[in-house]
Each structure stands twice: as C-alpha cells, then as structure tokens.
Amino acid sequence: MKLEGVKVVDLSVFLPGPYLTMAMADHGAEVIKVEPPGEGDPGRHIGVADGPSSVFFRNANRGKKSVVLDLKSDAGRDALYRLCDAADVFVESYRPGVMRRLGFDWETLSARNPRLVYCSISAFGQDGPYRDLPAHDLATEAYAGVLSLTHGRDGVPAMPGMAAADIVSSLHALSGVVMALYRRHATGRGDRIDVSMQHASLAALPNVMGPAMAGRPQPDPKHERTTGGSAFYQVYDTADGRHLVLGGQEIKFVRNLLGRLERLDLVPLCERGPGPHQAPVIEFLRGVFRGKPLAEWMAWFEGMDVSVAPVNTLHEALDDPNLRAQGAILTDDRGREHIAPVVRYALEPARPSLREPGLDEHHSILDDRH
C-alpha cells in the first residue's frame, strides 16, 4: 500500500484530524491515536452505537492503534516525546497555543526530529484575530460565507446536512501531509502545516465567489445558478412527499425534458441563464412533478438524456446499486457496514482494517518504543 512504513502520531479528536489519519491508515500507515484519560476521544460517545463505540467514531478511526497518555504528567509527556521522535507525521486539532503549553509545538518537536511533518487543523488557523475563538464546523462555515448562500425556501440560512468545513479541511490537510512527505525525499526535512477550517470553507466556493470578487452586491441565492435561480438545478416535490432534483442546466437537457412535456416555449427563458426570469419554468415543473410519486417519475425518466436524481434517504444511499457495484460499502465480520476508501488504486489498493481501537488497547507499544 502507498503509505506502508509511514508512522503517524495522532492527537486529534472529533472529525477533521481523525478523518485525515484514517485515510492514511486505510492506505497502510501506522497511526497511533493518543487519547486523553477518561472518555478518550469524545467522538467515541457521539451518536448511535452498533458495537463498542459509536458509528461516528469507527467511521473516522478504523485501523488505528490507541494509547492513553496524560500529557500533564512527566511520564505521559516523556512517552509522547518518544513516539514523536520515531514518527513521520504528527497531527493535532486543539486550539492554537495548547500544544505549546504542553511542550509539543512545532519548534520543539522538529528540533528533536527534523524529518517530522507537523499538521495542525483548527477552526481559524494558528494566527489572526480569531485564533483563540471556540468553534466547530457550523460556525466556521458561517464566518466563511457558506451559510449566506445556503437557504431554504423560506429564505433563511439552512443547517447543512454535511460537516463540510470538517471534511474539506481534513482533505486539504491530507494533501498537505502527502506533499510534505514527498518533498522530504529531496530535502530530508519535514514541515509545518497550518489548516484553517474557515479558510478551507472559503476556498470551497470558487464557483460562487464571482459577485463578491468582482465588486458586485451580495447575491440573492434564490436567483443564482447553483442555489435556486435555475429551473434545471432545483429540488422538486413529488406526489408522495418525496423529492427529486434536476441537476444539469445544459440546454440539451432543457430541450429534452421540456420537449417531452410539450413546453418548448419555455426554453428561451432557460437560455437566458439563471435568474428571476426562470420563475415560470420553475413553477411549471413544480406543478408537473407534484403529479406523480417519486418512483413513477424515476421510471418515467429512464432512457432520457436529462440529469435527474432521487433525493435518497441514508438507507437508500447505502443500498444504491452504483455504490454497491463499485464496492463502496464494506461489511465487517460483525455485519457492520463501512464506507470504503474513496481513492481506488489499480496496483496498490487500500486494505482498510474494519475495526476501531478500544480505548488504550495498544498501550503496550509504548514499552516497545523505548
């Protein structure tokens, strides 16, 4: 596997850091999860459990080793120093300043181990006026402007269903770690990586930043291309209380659907691009789609060249035939389901361990690393 031989010391909790290090474990890295005494990573206890820990925890921590260390004690700090001295990567997600107070800042660890790649993921980054503010995913998305574009039909900012700031910052951090490891081959030195969830969220808006960067007024989401201003990029109700989406605005899709519905007269409104002028098309399609249940509509669309999709429940998503055919859902020996690694290599595929570590299960490795 791609990361065999890479050793990672992971002090992160909740989602962004653990998701990053799990991806590395899936591809062969040895990840040692260092947890605080007591409950360990709070993610162990968040949400539904289907085994020794929550589904949330195992979805971000499979394949790792767990040790508990009290970093306020001399023994705990000494043990962590030994781990870091032999590590390739160090990951932490505490508020800025915490690692320095404990003696595990970048300067200290890199002086001991110059090859170490040191990665910090935080809400607002290691400097700047917000660095000490407490925040999780939702607050960083709000600061980044994401929620100003994410509205319900009532025009009020809506709660996103995905922890986008967590996941996007995690993937930026993963790319940073891999780039630093690659560069280390030439320089012999590691590097310091600082990933801000706020910054990562802002960077995820390249397709909708036009008005702000061009000096235009704040856009009204309901009139914009991907947030409600297009009839062919829209969520529609069906007769059974379900929903479908049209997800492609190319005029060929517009002509195919409106032609079958015998309303080609509406095509010119779509050819003008998104905006309030598409309201008649949206209202027409809303009336049409309310006329049948979701399953009948999906059957009606079969064979048509139109971008359409059902709004699946989580159960339906896990049972999706395309994902199943690609092996995207794995089942462990307990019958529990897991999402497979997304990156699929032809020559060195991932071999994820479908087991999360028990709290402090691998404490004995500390003795092996003196």
Protein backbone atom coordinates (compact mmCIF):
# COMPACT_ATOMS: atom_id res chain seq x y z
CA MET A 1 0.00 0.00 0.00
CA LYS A 2 1.09 3.55 -0.70
CA LEU A 3 1.83 4.60 2.88
CA GLU A 4 3.38 1.46 4.31
CA GLY A 5 6.25 2.39 6.60
CA VAL A 6 4.82 5.82 7.46
CA LYS A 7 4.25 6.34 11.19
CA VAL A 8 1.66 8.84 12.35
CA VAL A 9 1.08 10.19 15.86
CA ASP A 10 -2.49 11.47 16.04
CA LEU A 11 -3.64 13.73 18.88
CA SER A 12 -6.74 14.95 17.06
CA VAL A 13 -10.34 14.40 18.16
CA PHE A 14 -13.87 14.65 16.73
CA LEU A 15 -13.78 14.67 12.89
CA PRO A 16 -11.25 16.67 10.79
CA GLY A 17 -8.00 15.22 12.15
CA PRO A 18 -9.27 11.68 12.70
CA TYR A 19 -10.71 11.55 9.16
CA LEU A 20 -7.31 12.58 7.77
CA THR A 21 -5.39 9.97 9.74
CA MET A 22 -7.94 7.24 8.98
CA ALA A 23 -7.37 7.85 5.27
CA MET A 24 -3.66 7.33 5.89
CA ALA A 25 -4.32 4.15 7.89
CA ASP A 26 -6.52 2.82 5.07
CA HIS A 27 -3.50 3.04 2.77
CA GLY A 28 -1.01 1.36 5.07
CA ALA A 29 0.26 3.98 7.53
CA GLU A 30 0.69 3.02 11.18
CA VAL A 31 -1.49 5.50 13.07
CA ILE A 32 -1.12 5.78 16.84
CA LYS A 33 -4.09 7.61 18.29
CA VAL A 34 -3.10 9.34 21.54
CA GLU A 35 -6.20 9.88 23.68
CA PRO A 36 -6.71 11.75 26.95
CA PRO A 37 -7.52 9.86 30.18
CA GLY A 38 -11.17 9.30 30.96
CA GLU A 39 -13.51 9.11 27.97
CA GLY A 40 -10.79 9.42 25.32
CA ASP A 41 -11.84 11.00 22.04
CA PRO A 42 -15.35 12.46 22.63
CA GLY A 43 -16.34 11.01 19.27
CA ARG A 44 -16.43 7.57 20.91
CA HIS A 45 -19.69 8.54 22.56
CA ILE A 46 -21.44 10.75 19.99
CA GLY A 47 -24.50 9.33 18.26
CA VAL A 48 -25.69 5.80 17.67
CA ALA A 49 -23.51 2.85 18.67
CA ASP A 50 -23.51 -0.55 16.95
CA GLY A 51 -20.57 -2.04 18.81
CA PRO A 52 -18.01 -0.99 21.40
CA SER A 53 -18.11 2.64 20.22
CA SER A 54 -20.29 4.97 18.20
CA VAL A 55 -20.71 4.66 14.44
CA PHE A 56 -19.31 8.19 14.24
CA PHE A 57 -16.11 7.09 15.97
CA ARG A 58 -15.49 3.98 13.90
CA ASN A 59 -16.19 5.90 10.68
CA ALA A 60 -13.20 8.13 11.46
CA ASN A 61 -10.87 5.87 13.44
CA ARG A 62 -10.75 2.40 11.95
CA GLY A 63 -7.38 0.75 11.59
CA LYS A 64 -5.62 2.85 14.25
CA LYS A 65 -3.89 1.97 17.49
CA SER A 66 -5.00 3.66 20.71
CA VAL A 67 -2.90 4.70 23.70
CA VAL A 68 -3.98 6.86 26.61
CA LEU A 69 -1.47 9.43 27.86
CA ASP A 70 -1.85 12.11 30.50
CA LEU A 71 0.10 14.95 28.92
CA LYS A 72 0.01 16.90 32.18
CA SER A 73 2.27 14.27 33.75
CA ASP A 74 6.00 13.83 33.20
CA ALA A 75 5.53 10.16 32.31
CA GLY A 76 2.85 10.96 29.72
CA ARG A 77 4.92 13.70 28.10
CA ASP A 78 8.03 11.53 28.01
CA ALA A 79 6.09 8.74 26.32
CA LEU A 80 4.72 11.12 23.70
CA TYR A 81 8.17 12.54 23.00
CA ARG A 82 9.42 9.01 22.32
CA LEU A 83 6.56 8.40 19.90
CA CYS A 84 7.21 11.69 18.10
CA ASP A 85 10.93 11.05 17.86
CA ALA A 86 10.20 7.95 15.76
CA ALA A 87 7.26 9.40 13.80
CA ASP A 88 6.94 10.72 10.27
CA VAL A 89 3.74 12.72 10.85
CA PHE A 90 2.20 14.47 13.85
CA VAL A 91 -1.45 15.61 13.71
CA GLU A 92 -3.28 17.75 16.26
CA SER A 93 -6.54 19.70 16.28
CA TYR A 94 -6.52 21.61 19.56
CA ARG A 95 -6.93 25.35 19.89
CA PRO A 96 -3.77 27.27 18.97
CA GLY A 97 -1.40 27.50 21.89
CA VAL A 98 -2.38 24.26 23.61
CA MET A 99 0.47 22.24 22.10
CA ARG A 100 2.99 24.95 23.02
CA ARG A 101 1.81 24.99 26.64
CA LEU A 102 2.22 21.21 26.79
CA GLY A 103 5.64 21.31 25.13
CA PHE A 104 4.65 19.70 21.81
CA ASP A 105 4.78 22.70 19.49
CA TRP A 106 6.35 22.52 16.03
CA GLU A 107 9.62 24.14 17.08
CA THR A 108 10.16 21.68 19.94
CA LEU A 109 9.29 18.53 18.04
CA SER A 110 11.12 19.47 14.84
CA ALA A 111 14.26 20.22 16.84
CA ARG A 112 14.13 16.66 18.15
CA ASN A 113 13.03 15.11 14.83
CA PRO A 114 13.80 17.32 11.80
CA ARG A 115 12.05 14.89 9.43
CA LEU A 116 8.70 15.28 11.19
CA VAL A 117 5.72 16.60 9.22
CA TYR A 118 3.65 18.53 11.77
CA CYS A 119 -0.02 19.20 10.89
CA SER A 120 -2.42 21.43 12.83
CA ILE A 121 -6.11 21.70 11.93
CA SER A 122 -8.05 24.41 13.77
CA ALA A 123 -11.17 26.49 13.33
CA PHE A 124 -9.44 29.74 12.37
CA GLY A 125 -5.73 28.96 11.97
CA GLN A 126 -2.69 29.45 14.15
CA ASP A 127 -2.62 33.26 13.89
CA GLY A 128 -5.02 36.10 13.23
CA PRO A 129 -7.61 37.74 15.48
CA TYR A 130 -9.91 34.68 15.63
CA ARG A 131 -7.27 32.11 16.57
CA ASP A 132 -8.49 31.72 20.17
CA LEU A 133 -12.22 31.63 19.45
CA PRO A 134 -14.07 28.37 20.14
CA ALA A 135 -15.82 26.97 17.07
CA HIS A 136 -16.89 23.82 15.27
CA ASP A 137 -17.99 23.19 11.69
CA LEU A 138 -21.16 25.32 11.59
CA ALA A 139 -19.52 28.47 12.95
CA THR A 140 -16.61 28.30 10.53
CA GLU A 141 -19.00 27.82 7.60
CA ALA A 142 -20.94 30.86 8.80
CA TYR A 143 -17.79 33.00 9.00
CA ALA A 144 -16.72 31.82 5.55
CA GLY A 145 -19.97 32.95 3.94
CA VAL A 146 -21.17 29.45 3.09
CA LEU A 147 -24.42 29.82 5.04
CA SER A 148 -25.21 33.13 3.35
CA LEU A 149 -25.75 31.08 0.19
CA THR A 150 -27.39 28.03 1.79
CA HIS A 151 -31.06 28.93 2.19
CA GLY A 152 -34.29 27.02 2.48
CA ARG A 153 -37.36 28.03 0.52
CA ASP A 154 -38.19 30.43 3.35
CA GLY A 155 -35.06 32.42 2.52
CA VAL A 156 -33.46 31.69 5.91
CA PRO A 157 -29.95 30.19 6.18
CA ALA A 158 -30.34 26.43 6.47
CA MET A 159 -28.46 23.89 8.55
CA PRO A 160 -26.21 21.91 6.18
CA GLY A 161 -26.55 18.15 6.29
CA MET A 162 -22.83 17.57 5.80
CA ALA A 163 -19.98 18.77 8.02
CA ALA A 164 -18.39 20.43 5.00
CA ALA A 165 -15.81 22.52 6.87
CA ASP A 166 -14.63 19.46 8.80
CA ILE A 167 -14.28 17.28 5.73
CA VAL A 168 -12.85 19.90 3.36
CA SER A 169 -10.23 20.99 5.90
CA SER A 170 -9.38 17.34 6.53
CA LEU A 171 -8.78 16.71 2.84
CA HIS A 172 -6.68 19.86 2.47
CA ALA A 173 -4.62 18.68 5.44
CA LEU A 174 -4.23 15.24 3.88
CA SER A 175 -2.94 16.75 0.65
CA GLY A 176 -0.58 18.96 2.66
CA VAL A 177 0.80 16.00 4.58
CA VAL A 178 1.35 13.95 1.44
CA MET A 179 3.05 16.87 -0.35
CA ALA A 180 5.31 17.44 2.65
CA LEU A 181 6.26 13.76 2.78
CA TYR A 182 7.02 13.82 -0.94
CA ARG A 183 9.20 16.94 -0.60
CA ARG A 184 11.02 15.40 2.36
CA HIS A 185 12.60 12.90 -0.01
CA ALA A 186 14.53 15.76 -1.59
CA THR A 187 15.23 17.97 1.44
CA GLY A 188 15.42 15.47 4.30
CA ARG A 189 13.25 17.81 6.38
CA GLY A 190 9.63 17.81 7.39
CA ASP A 191 7.44 20.91 7.50
CA ARG A 192 4.74 22.69 9.47
CA ILE A 193 1.18 22.58 8.08
CA ASP A 194 -1.48 25.03 9.29
CA VAL A 195 -5.02 24.35 8.02
CA SER A 196 -7.91 26.64 8.96
CA MET A 197 -11.46 25.32 8.66
CA GLN A 198 -12.68 28.84 7.89
CA HIS A 199 -10.13 29.21 5.10
CA ALA A 200 -10.88 25.75 3.71
CA SER A 201 -14.60 26.57 3.61
CA LEU A 202 -13.97 29.83 1.77
CA ALA A 203 -11.70 28.03 -0.69
CA ALA A 204 -14.56 25.62 -1.44
CA LEU A 205 -16.60 28.44 -3.03
CA PRO A 206 -14.69 29.13 -6.28
CA ASN A 207 -17.78 28.77 -8.47
CA VAL A 208 -19.94 31.21 -6.47
CA MET A 209 -17.45 33.93 -5.48
CA GLY A 210 -17.92 35.89 -8.71
CA PRO A 211 -20.17 38.68 -7.41
CA ALA A 212 -18.09 39.31 -4.28
CA MET A 213 -14.71 39.23 -6.04
CA ALA A 214 -15.96 41.36 -8.93
CA GLY A 215 -17.25 44.06 -6.61
CA ARG A 216 -20.93 43.27 -7.11
CA PRO A 217 -23.61 43.21 -4.35
CA GLN A 218 -24.22 40.10 -2.24
CA PRO A 219 -26.11 37.68 -4.50
CA ASP A 220 -29.65 36.55 -3.70
CA PRO A 221 -29.29 32.73 -3.53
CA LYS A 222 -32.72 32.07 -4.99
CA HIS A 223 -31.62 33.74 -8.23
CA GLU A 224 -28.13 32.26 -8.55
CA ARG A 225 -27.03 29.46 -10.85
CA THR A 226 -26.47 26.70 -8.27
CA THR A 227 -28.62 27.85 -5.34
CA GLY A 228 -32.11 28.27 -6.77
CA GLY A 229 -32.10 30.53 -9.81
CA SER A 230 -32.25 27.78 -12.39
CA ALA A 231 -35.20 25.50 -13.12
CA PHE A 232 -32.79 22.74 -14.10
CA TYR A 233 -30.71 22.95 -10.91
CA GLN A 234 -33.53 22.62 -8.45
CA VAL A 235 -35.26 20.42 -5.87
CA TYR A 236 -38.86 19.45 -6.63
CA ASP A 237 -41.63 17.89 -4.53
CA THR A 238 -43.32 14.71 -5.73
CA ALA A 239 -46.84 13.46 -5.00
CA ASP A 240 -45.79 11.13 -2.19
CA GLY A 241 -43.93 13.73 -0.14
CA ARG A 242 -40.56 12.73 -1.60
CA HIS A 243 -38.27 14.88 -3.73
CA LEU A 244 -36.24 14.72 -6.91
CA VAL A 245 -33.60 17.06 -8.28
CA LEU A 246 -32.77 18.27 -11.74
CA GLY A 247 -29.01 18.62 -11.71
CA GLY A 248 -27.87 19.72 -15.17
CA GLN A 249 -28.52 23.11 -16.83
CA GLU A 250 -27.17 22.34 -20.28
CA ILE A 251 -29.69 23.42 -22.91
CA LYS A 252 -29.76 19.91 -24.42
CA PHE A 253 -31.24 18.67 -21.11
CA VAL A 254 -33.69 21.58 -21.06
CA ARG A 255 -34.90 20.79 -24.58
CA ASN A 256 -35.17 17.06 -23.91
CA LEU A 257 -37.40 17.48 -20.85
CA LEU A 258 -39.49 20.46 -21.93
CA GLY A 259 -39.93 18.89 -25.35
CA ARG A 260 -41.35 15.71 -23.83
CA LEU A 261 -43.61 17.84 -21.64
CA GLU A 262 -44.68 19.80 -24.77
CA ARG A 263 -43.45 23.13 -23.41
CA LEU A 264 -40.61 24.07 -25.72
CA ASP A 265 -41.92 27.64 -25.49
CA LEU A 266 -40.20 27.83 -22.08
CA VAL A 267 -36.74 27.01 -23.44
CA PRO A 268 -35.81 30.65 -24.25
CA LEU A 269 -36.19 31.57 -20.56
CA CYS A 270 -33.59 28.94 -19.67
CA GLU A 271 -31.30 30.04 -22.49
CA ARG A 272 -31.03 33.45 -20.79
CA GLY A 273 -29.26 31.85 -17.82
CA PRO A 274 -30.31 31.78 -14.17
CA GLY A 275 -32.37 34.48 -12.53
CA PRO A 276 -35.91 35.64 -11.69
CA HIS A 277 -37.00 35.22 -15.31
CA GLN A 278 -36.87 31.43 -14.85
CA ALA A 279 -39.67 31.57 -12.26
CA PRO A 280 -42.35 30.49 -14.79
CA VAL A 281 -40.30 27.41 -15.69
CA ILE A 282 -39.77 26.52 -12.04
CA GLU A 283 -43.46 26.92 -11.24
CA PHE A 284 -44.46 24.82 -14.26
CA LEU A 285 -42.11 22.00 -13.27
CA ARG A 286 -43.24 22.16 -9.64
CA GLY A 287 -46.79 21.59 -10.76
CA VAL A 288 -45.76 18.74 -13.07
CA PHE A 289 -43.65 16.87 -10.53
CA ARG A 290 -46.32 17.08 -7.83
CA GLY A 291 -48.48 14.93 -10.08
CA LYS A 292 -46.73 11.57 -9.52
CA PRO A 293 -44.83 9.78 -6.75
CA LEU A 294 -41.06 9.68 -6.89
CA ALA A 295 -40.74 6.08 -8.10
CA GLU A 296 -43.05 6.73 -11.05
CA TRP A 297 -41.03 9.78 -12.04
CA MET A 298 -37.75 7.90 -11.91
CA ALA A 299 -39.27 5.22 -14.16
CA TRP A 300 -40.60 7.94 -16.48
CA PHE A 301 -37.12 9.43 -16.84
CA GLU A 302 -35.46 6.13 -17.76
CA GLY A 303 -33.71 6.38 -21.12
CA MET A 304 -33.94 10.18 -21.23
CA ASP A 305 -30.81 12.29 -21.50
CA VAL A 306 -31.67 14.52 -18.54
CA SER A 307 -29.71 14.96 -15.31
CA VAL A 308 -32.18 13.83 -12.66
CA ALA A 309 -31.82 12.10 -9.31
CA PRO A 310 -33.97 10.99 -6.39
CA VAL A 311 -33.30 12.59 -3.01
CA ASN A 312 -32.25 9.37 -1.30
CA THR A 313 -32.54 8.65 2.38
CA LEU A 314 -29.38 7.46 4.13
CA HIS A 315 -30.65 3.86 3.93
CA GLU A 316 -31.28 4.24 0.20
CA ALA A 317 -27.84 5.76 -0.29
CA LEU A 318 -26.18 2.77 1.39
CA ASP A 319 -28.18 0.42 -0.83
CA ASP A 320 -27.55 2.39 -4.02
CA PRO A 321 -26.77 -0.10 -6.83
CA ASN A 322 -23.98 2.03 -8.30
CA LEU A 323 -22.14 2.30 -4.96
CA ARG A 324 -22.65 -1.39 -4.30
CA ALA A 325 -21.33 -2.34 -7.72
CA GLN A 326 -18.18 -0.29 -7.07
CA GLY A 327 -17.58 -1.86 -3.67
CA ALA A 328 -18.09 1.46 -1.89
CA ILE A 329 -19.84 -0.24 1.04
CA LEU A 330 -17.90 -2.84 3.02
CA THR A 331 -19.16 -5.23 5.68
CA ASP A 332 -17.04 -6.44 8.59
CA ASP A 333 -17.18 -9.77 10.39
CA ARG A 334 -19.76 -8.36 12.81
CA GLY A 335 -22.08 -7.44 9.96
CA ARG A 336 -21.43 -3.71 10.38
CA GLU A 337 -21.26 -1.55 7.27
CA HIS A 338 -18.37 0.77 6.43
CA ILE A 339 -17.71 3.27 3.66
CA ALA A 340 -14.73 2.08 1.64
CA PRO A 341 -11.76 4.35 0.88
CA VAL A 342 -12.71 6.70 -1.94
CA VAL A 343 -9.35 6.65 -3.71
CA ARG A 344 -9.10 3.43 -5.72
CA TYR A 345 -5.60 2.50 -6.90
CA ALA A 346 -5.20 -0.11 -9.61
CA LEU A 347 -1.85 -1.50 -8.45
CA GLU A 348 -1.85 -0.92 -4.68
CA PRO A 349 -5.45 -0.81 -3.46
CA ALA A 350 -6.26 0.18 0.08
CA ARG A 351 -6.72 -2.60 2.60
CA PRO A 352 -8.66 -0.92 5.40
CA SER A 353 -8.93 -2.60 8.77
CA LEU A 354 -12.63 -2.56 9.58
CA ARG A 355 -12.04 -2.37 13.30
CA GLU A 356 -11.76 0.67 15.56
CA PRO A 357 -9.39 0.53 18.53
CA GLY A 358 -10.58 0.13 22.08
CA LEU A 359 -9.54 2.95 24.36
CA ASP A 360 -5.86 2.42 25.33
CA GLU A 361 -5.94 -1.01 23.66
CA HIS A 362 -2.38 -0.68 22.40
CA HIS A 363 -0.70 0.82 25.45
CA SER A 364 1.93 -1.93 25.36
CA ILE A 365 3.52 -0.41 22.26
CA LEU A 366 4.91 2.35 24.46
CA ASP A 367 7.19 -0.19 26.11
CA ASP A 368 8.33 -1.44 22.70
CA ARG A 369 9.47 2.02 21.64
CA HIS A 370 11.96 2.93 24.41
